[in-house]
Amino acid sequence: MFGSSQKNGASAYAKIGIETGVIAANPHKLIVMLFDGAITAISNALKNIETNNVAAKGQSISKAIAIIDNGLRASLDKKVGGEVALSLDSLYEYMSRQLLVANLSNDTNLLMEIHSLLKDLKTTWEAIAPIPVSLTEIPRQEYDALAPRPTKFLEA
């Protein structure tokens, strides 16, 4: 009785933490979060195959496919991104297709391949993170309230 309410409470707390992270994240961080979600879903699918939990495996793989298609692929701007965006689109399509095949055949090798590809992409994405500008790097103009102010005289 108490175990289920504690589990639900912990789940709700984790959900709030994720939602807060999404709200506070910049677009670059949101992509990292999508990679993390897809990687975690594939890891869960691998564990579910080991334990022969077919329903949970299917849900995990479906979640990974949804993240790839509705998150990573949908965020591509093919007009601005050019060749890189088109290549990533093809790669994401390949991943989704392979995940579907892995789901139907319980192919852990395919899952590991996609897991590895996502980890490599995440590492690359993190490496190109924009450098945040801290307030200490902005040159400050010193202001001395006691210093005399320059006077401007009208010339006649």
C-alpha atoms as a PDB file:
ATOM      1  CA  MET A   1       0.000   0.000   0.000  1.00  0.00           C
ATOM      2  CA  PHE A   2       2.685   2.478   1.022  1.00  0.00           C
ATOM      3  CA  GLY A   3       5.144   1.304  -1.623  1.00  0.00           C
ATOM      4  CA  SER A   4       2.948   2.328  -4.517  1.00  0.00           C
ATOM      5  CA  SER A   5       2.270   5.810  -3.120  1.00  0.00           C
ATOM      6  CA  GLN A   6       5.968   6.352  -2.471  1.00  0.00           C
ATOM      7  CA  LYS A   7       6.763   5.208  -5.990  1.00  0.00           C
ATOM      8  CA  ASN A   8       4.141   7.579  -7.410  1.00  0.00           C
ATOM      9  CA  GLY A   9       5.498  10.410  -5.261  1.00  0.00           C
ATOM     10  CA  ALA A  10       9.049   9.786  -6.411  1.00  0.00           C
ATOM     11  CA  SER A  11       7.857   9.607  -9.999  1.00  0.00           C
ATOM     12  CA  ALA A  12       6.001  12.897  -9.663  1.00  0.00           C
ATOM     13  CA  TYR A  13       9.063  14.511  -8.073  1.00  0.00           C
ATOM     14  CA  ALA A  14      11.274  13.285 -10.927  1.00  0.00           C
ATOM     15  CA  LYS A  15       8.762  14.580 -13.478  1.00  0.00           C
ATOM     16  CA  ILE A  16       8.785  18.022 -11.863  1.00  0.00           C
ATOM     17  CA  GLY A  17      12.591  18.013 -11.953  1.00  0.00           C
ATOM     18  CA  ILE A  18      12.582  17.184 -15.656  1.00  0.00           C
ATOM     19  CA  GLU A  19       9.931  19.799 -16.450  1.00  0.00           C
ATOM     20  CA  THR A  20      11.883  22.430 -14.521  1.00  0.00           C
ATOM     21  CA  GLY A  21      15.024  21.468 -16.423  1.00  0.00           C
ATOM     22  CA  VAL A  22      13.213  21.820 -19.743  1.00  0.00           C
ATOM     23  CA  ILE A  23      11.814  25.231 -18.841  1.00  0.00           C
ATOM     24  CA  ALA A  24      15.220  26.521 -17.736  1.00  0.00           C
ATOM     25  CA  ALA A  25      17.212  24.985 -20.604  1.00  0.00           C
ATOM     26  CA  ASN A  26      18.501  26.809 -23.637  1.00  0.00           C
ATOM     27  CA  PRO A  27      17.901  25.245 -27.098  1.00  0.00           C
ATOM     28  CA  HIS A  28      21.329  23.585 -27.072  1.00  0.00           C
ATOM     29  CA  LYS A  29      20.676  21.955 -23.707  1.00  0.00           C
ATOM     30  CA  LEU A  30      17.246  20.765 -24.883  1.00  0.00           C
ATOM     31  CA  ILE A  31      18.913  18.751 -27.650  1.00  0.00           C
ATOM     32  CA  VAL A  32      21.278  17.207 -25.088  1.00  0.00           C
ATOM     33  CA  MET A  33      18.230  16.273 -23.010  1.00  0.00           C
ATOM     34  CA  LEU A  34      16.651  14.608 -26.053  1.00  0.00           C
ATOM     35  CA  PHE A  35      19.819  12.578 -26.630  1.00  0.00           C
ATOM     36  CA  ASP A  36      19.821  11.573 -22.950  1.00  0.00           C
ATOM     37  CA  GLY A  37      16.178  10.508 -23.145  1.00  0.00           C
ATOM     38  CA  ALA A  38      16.695   8.362 -26.242  1.00  0.00           C
ATOM     39  CA  ILE A  39      19.860   6.780 -24.806  1.00  0.00           C
ATOM     40  CA  THR A  40      18.063   5.974 -21.554  1.00  0.00           C
ATOM     41  CA  ALA A  41      15.079   4.502 -23.408  1.00  0.00           C
ATOM     42  CA  ILE A  42      17.366   2.200 -25.409  1.00  0.00           C
ATOM     43  CA  SER A  43      19.219   1.154 -22.245  1.00  0.00           C
ATOM     44  CA  ASN A  44      15.869   0.305 -20.678  1.00  0.00           C
ATOM     45  CA  ALA A  45      14.890  -1.699 -23.761  1.00  0.00           C
ATOM     46  CA  LEU A  46      18.101  -3.727 -23.478  1.00  0.00           C
ATOM     47  CA  LYS A  47      17.363  -4.489 -19.819  1.00  0.00           C
ATOM     48  CA  ASN A  48      13.794  -5.446 -20.696  1.00  0.00           C
ATOM     49  CA  ILE A  49      14.992  -7.871 -23.364  1.00  0.00           C
ATOM     50  CA  GLU A  50      17.267  -9.511 -20.760  1.00  0.00           C
ATOM     51  CA  THR A  51      14.350  -9.918 -18.348  1.00  0.00           C
ATOM     52  CA  ASN A  52      11.975 -10.993 -21.150  1.00  0.00           C
ATOM     53  CA  ASN A  53       9.594  -8.117 -20.418  1.00  0.00           C
ATOM     54  CA  VAL A  54       8.144  -7.747 -23.899  1.00  0.00           C
ATOM     55  CA  ALA A  55       5.637  -4.975 -23.134  1.00  0.00           C
ATOM     56  CA  ALA A  56       8.190  -2.746 -21.375  1.00  0.00           C
ATOM     57  CA  LYS A  57      10.727  -3.379 -24.159  1.00  0.00           C
ATOM     58  CA  GLY A  58       8.205  -2.237 -26.746  1.00  0.00           C
ATOM     59  CA  GLN A  59       7.358   0.868 -24.738  1.00  0.00           C
ATOM     60  CA  SER A  60      11.028   1.777 -24.312  1.00  0.00           C
ATOM     61  CA  ILE A  61      11.801   1.365 -27.993  1.00  0.00           C
ATOM     62  CA  SER A  62       8.673   3.304 -28.948  1.00  0.00           C
ATOM     63  CA  LYS A  63       9.789   6.100 -26.643  1.00  0.00           C
ATOM     64  CA  ALA A  64      13.248   6.170 -28.256  1.00  0.00           C
ATOM     65  CA  ILE A  65      11.692   6.315 -31.732  1.00  0.00           C
ATOM     66  CA  ALA A  66       9.366   9.134 -30.650  1.00  0.00           C
ATOM     67  CA  ILE A  67      12.278  11.134 -29.229  1.00  0.00           C
ATOM     68  CA  ILE A  68      14.307  10.673 -32.392  1.00  0.00           C
ATOM     69  CA  ASP A  69      11.441  11.442 -34.790  1.00  0.00           C
ATOM     70  CA  ASN A  70       9.464  14.060 -32.866  1.00  0.00           C
ATOM     71  CA  GLY A  71      12.373  15.666 -31.057  1.00  0.00           C
ATOM     72  CA  LEU A  72      15.714  15.345 -32.816  1.00  0.00           C
ATOM     73  CA  ARG A  73      14.464  15.107 -36.404  1.00  0.00           C
ATOM     74  CA  ALA A  74      11.759  17.707 -35.903  1.00  0.00           C
ATOM     75  CA  SER A  75      14.296  20.198 -34.548  1.00  0.00           C
ATOM     76  CA  LEU A  76      16.400  20.099 -37.714  1.00  0.00           C
ATOM     77  CA  ASP A  77      16.251  23.222 -39.864  1.00  0.00           C
ATOM     78  CA  LYS A  78      17.092  21.840 -43.294  1.00  0.00           C
ATOM     79  CA  LYS A  79      17.083  25.274 -44.933  1.00  0.00           C
ATOM     80  CA  VAL A  80      19.615  26.772 -42.547  1.00  0.00           C
ATOM     81  CA  GLY A  81      21.492  23.571 -41.671  1.00  0.00           C
ATOM     82  CA  GLY A  82      22.258  22.626 -45.261  1.00  0.00           C
ATOM     83  CA  GLU A  83      24.151  19.400 -45.863  1.00  0.00           C
ATOM     84  CA  VAL A  84      24.687  18.710 -42.154  1.00  0.00           C
ATOM     85  CA  ALA A  85      20.951  18.881 -41.403  1.00  0.00           C
ATOM     86  CA  LEU A  86      20.149  16.650 -44.381  1.00  0.00           C
ATOM     87  CA  SER A  87      22.740  14.083 -43.273  1.00  0.00           C
ATOM     88  CA  LEU A  88      21.423  14.107 -39.718  1.00  0.00           C
ATOM     89  CA  ASP A  89      17.877  13.688 -41.020  1.00  0.00           C
ATOM     90  CA  SER A  90      18.956  10.581 -42.945  1.00  0.00           C
ATOM     91  CA  LEU A  91      20.797   9.243 -39.903  1.00  0.00           C
ATOM     92  CA  TYR A  92      17.787   9.787 -37.637  1.00  0.00           C
ATOM     93  CA  GLU A  93      15.546   8.046 -40.183  1.00  0.00           C
ATOM     94  CA  TYR A  94      17.983   5.106 -40.245  1.00  0.00           C
ATOM     95  CA  MET A  95      17.979   4.949 -36.434  1.00  0.00           C
ATOM     96  CA  SER A  96      14.192   4.872 -36.245  1.00  0.00           C
ATOM     97  CA  ARG A  97      14.008   2.131 -38.858  1.00  0.00           C
ATOM     98  CA  GLN A  98      16.660   0.040 -37.079  1.00  0.00           C
ATOM     99  CA  LEU A  99      14.893   0.482 -33.742  1.00  0.00           C
ATOM    100  CA  LEU A 100      11.693  -0.816 -35.300  1.00  0.00           C
ATOM    101  CA  VAL A 101      13.525  -3.874 -36.647  1.00  0.00           C
ATOM    102  CA  ALA A 102      15.213  -4.385 -33.266  1.00  0.00           C
ATOM    103  CA  ASN A 103      11.837  -4.273 -31.554  1.00  0.00           C
ATOM    104  CA  LEU A 104      10.359  -6.892 -33.868  1.00  0.00           C
ATOM    105  CA  SER A 105      13.344  -9.230 -33.661  1.00  0.00           C
ATOM    106  CA  ASN A 106      14.711  -8.557 -30.136  1.00  0.00           C
ATOM    107  CA  ASP A 107      18.038  -7.708 -31.784  1.00  0.00           C
ATOM    108  CA  THR A 108      20.296  -6.373 -29.046  1.00  0.00           C
ATOM    109  CA  ASN A 109      23.078  -5.690 -31.552  1.00  0.00           C
ATOM    110  CA  LEU A 110      20.903  -3.191 -33.404  1.00  0.00           C
ATOM    111  CA  LEU A 111      19.956  -1.550 -30.121  1.00  0.00           C
ATOM    112  CA  MET A 112      23.626  -1.288 -29.153  1.00  0.00           C
ATOM    113  CA  GLU A 113      24.451   0.229 -32.560  1.00  0.00           C
ATOM    114  CA  ILE A 114      21.828   2.954 -32.200  1.00  0.00           C
ATOM    115  CA  HIS A 115      22.810   3.497 -28.567  1.00  0.00           C
ATOM    116  CA  SER A 116      26.418   4.034 -29.674  1.00  0.00           C
ATOM    117  CA  LEU A 117      25.430   6.389 -32.495  1.00  0.00           C
ATOM    118  CA  LEU A 118      23.331   8.498 -30.132  1.00  0.00           C
ATOM    119  CA  LYS A 119      26.140   8.675 -27.567  1.00  0.00           C
ATOM    120  CA  ASP A 120      28.603   9.794 -30.269  1.00  0.00           C
ATOM    121  CA  LEU A 121      26.192  12.456 -31.514  1.00  0.00           C
ATOM    122  CA  LYS A 122      25.564  13.654 -27.965  1.00  0.00           C
ATOM    123  CA  THR A 123      29.302  13.947 -27.288  1.00  0.00           C
ATOM    124  CA  THR A 124      29.772  15.897 -30.505  1.00  0.00           C
ATOM    125  CA  TRP A 125      26.807  18.141 -29.729  1.00  0.00           C
ATOM    126  CA  GLU A 126      28.168  18.859 -26.253  1.00  0.00           C
ATOM    127  CA  ALA A 127      31.558  19.752 -27.745  1.00  0.00           C
ATOM    128  CA  ILE A 128      30.019  22.533 -29.826  1.00  0.00           C
ATOM    129  CA  ALA A 129      28.117  24.056 -26.919  1.00  0.00           C
ATOM    130  CA  PRO A 130      27.977  27.839 -27.001  1.00  0.00           C
ATOM    131  CA  ILE A 131      30.297  29.439 -24.484  1.00  0.00           C
ATOM    132  CA  PRO A 132      28.257  31.277 -21.890  1.00  0.00           C
ATOM    133  CA  VAL A 133      29.252  34.847 -21.253  1.00  0.00           C
ATOM    134  CA  SER A 134      29.677  35.408 -17.568  1.00  0.00           C
ATOM    135  CA  LEU A 135      29.129  38.785 -16.039  1.00  0.00           C
ATOM    136  CA  THR A 136      32.717  38.868 -14.791  1.00  0.00           C
ATOM    137  CA  GLU A 137      34.013  38.813 -18.371  1.00  0.00           C
ATOM    138  CA  ILE A 138      32.106  41.934 -19.381  1.00  0.00           C
ATOM    139  CA  PRO A 139      34.320  44.971 -18.876  1.00  0.00           C
ATOM    140  CA  ARG A 140      32.808  47.221 -16.286  1.00  0.00           C
ATOM    141  CA  GLN A 141      33.117  50.960 -16.304  1.00  0.00           C
ATOM    142  CA  GLU A 142      34.188  52.213 -12.967  1.00  0.00           C
ATOM    143  CA  TYR A 143      32.027  54.903 -11.480  1.00  0.00           C
ATOM    144  CA  ASP A 144      33.279  57.100  -8.708  1.00  0.00           C
ATOM    145  CA  ALA A 145      30.450  59.021  -7.114  1.00  0.00           C
ATOM    146  CA  LEU A 146      32.886  61.457  -5.502  1.00  0.00           C
ATOM    147  CA  ALA A 147      34.868  62.249  -8.630  1.00  0.00           C
ATOM    148  CA  PRO A 148      34.224  65.681 -10.140  1.00  0.00           C
ATOM    149  CA  ARG A 149      32.021  65.662 -13.178  1.00  0.00           C
ATOM    150  CA  PRO A 150      33.254  67.226 -16.363  1.00  0.00           C
ATOM    151  CA  THR A 151      31.768  70.626 -16.892  1.00  0.00           C
ATOM    152  CA  LYS A 152      30.634  71.947 -20.187  1.00  0.00           C
ATOM    153  CA  PHE A 153      30.894  75.639 -20.696  1.00  0.00           C
ATOM    154  CA  LEU A 154      29.071  77.424 -23.408  1.00  0.00           C
ATOM    155  CA  GLU A 155      31.351  79.242 -25.741  1.00  0.00           C
ATOM    156  CA  ALA A 156      30.309  82.772 -26.527  1.00  0.00           C
END
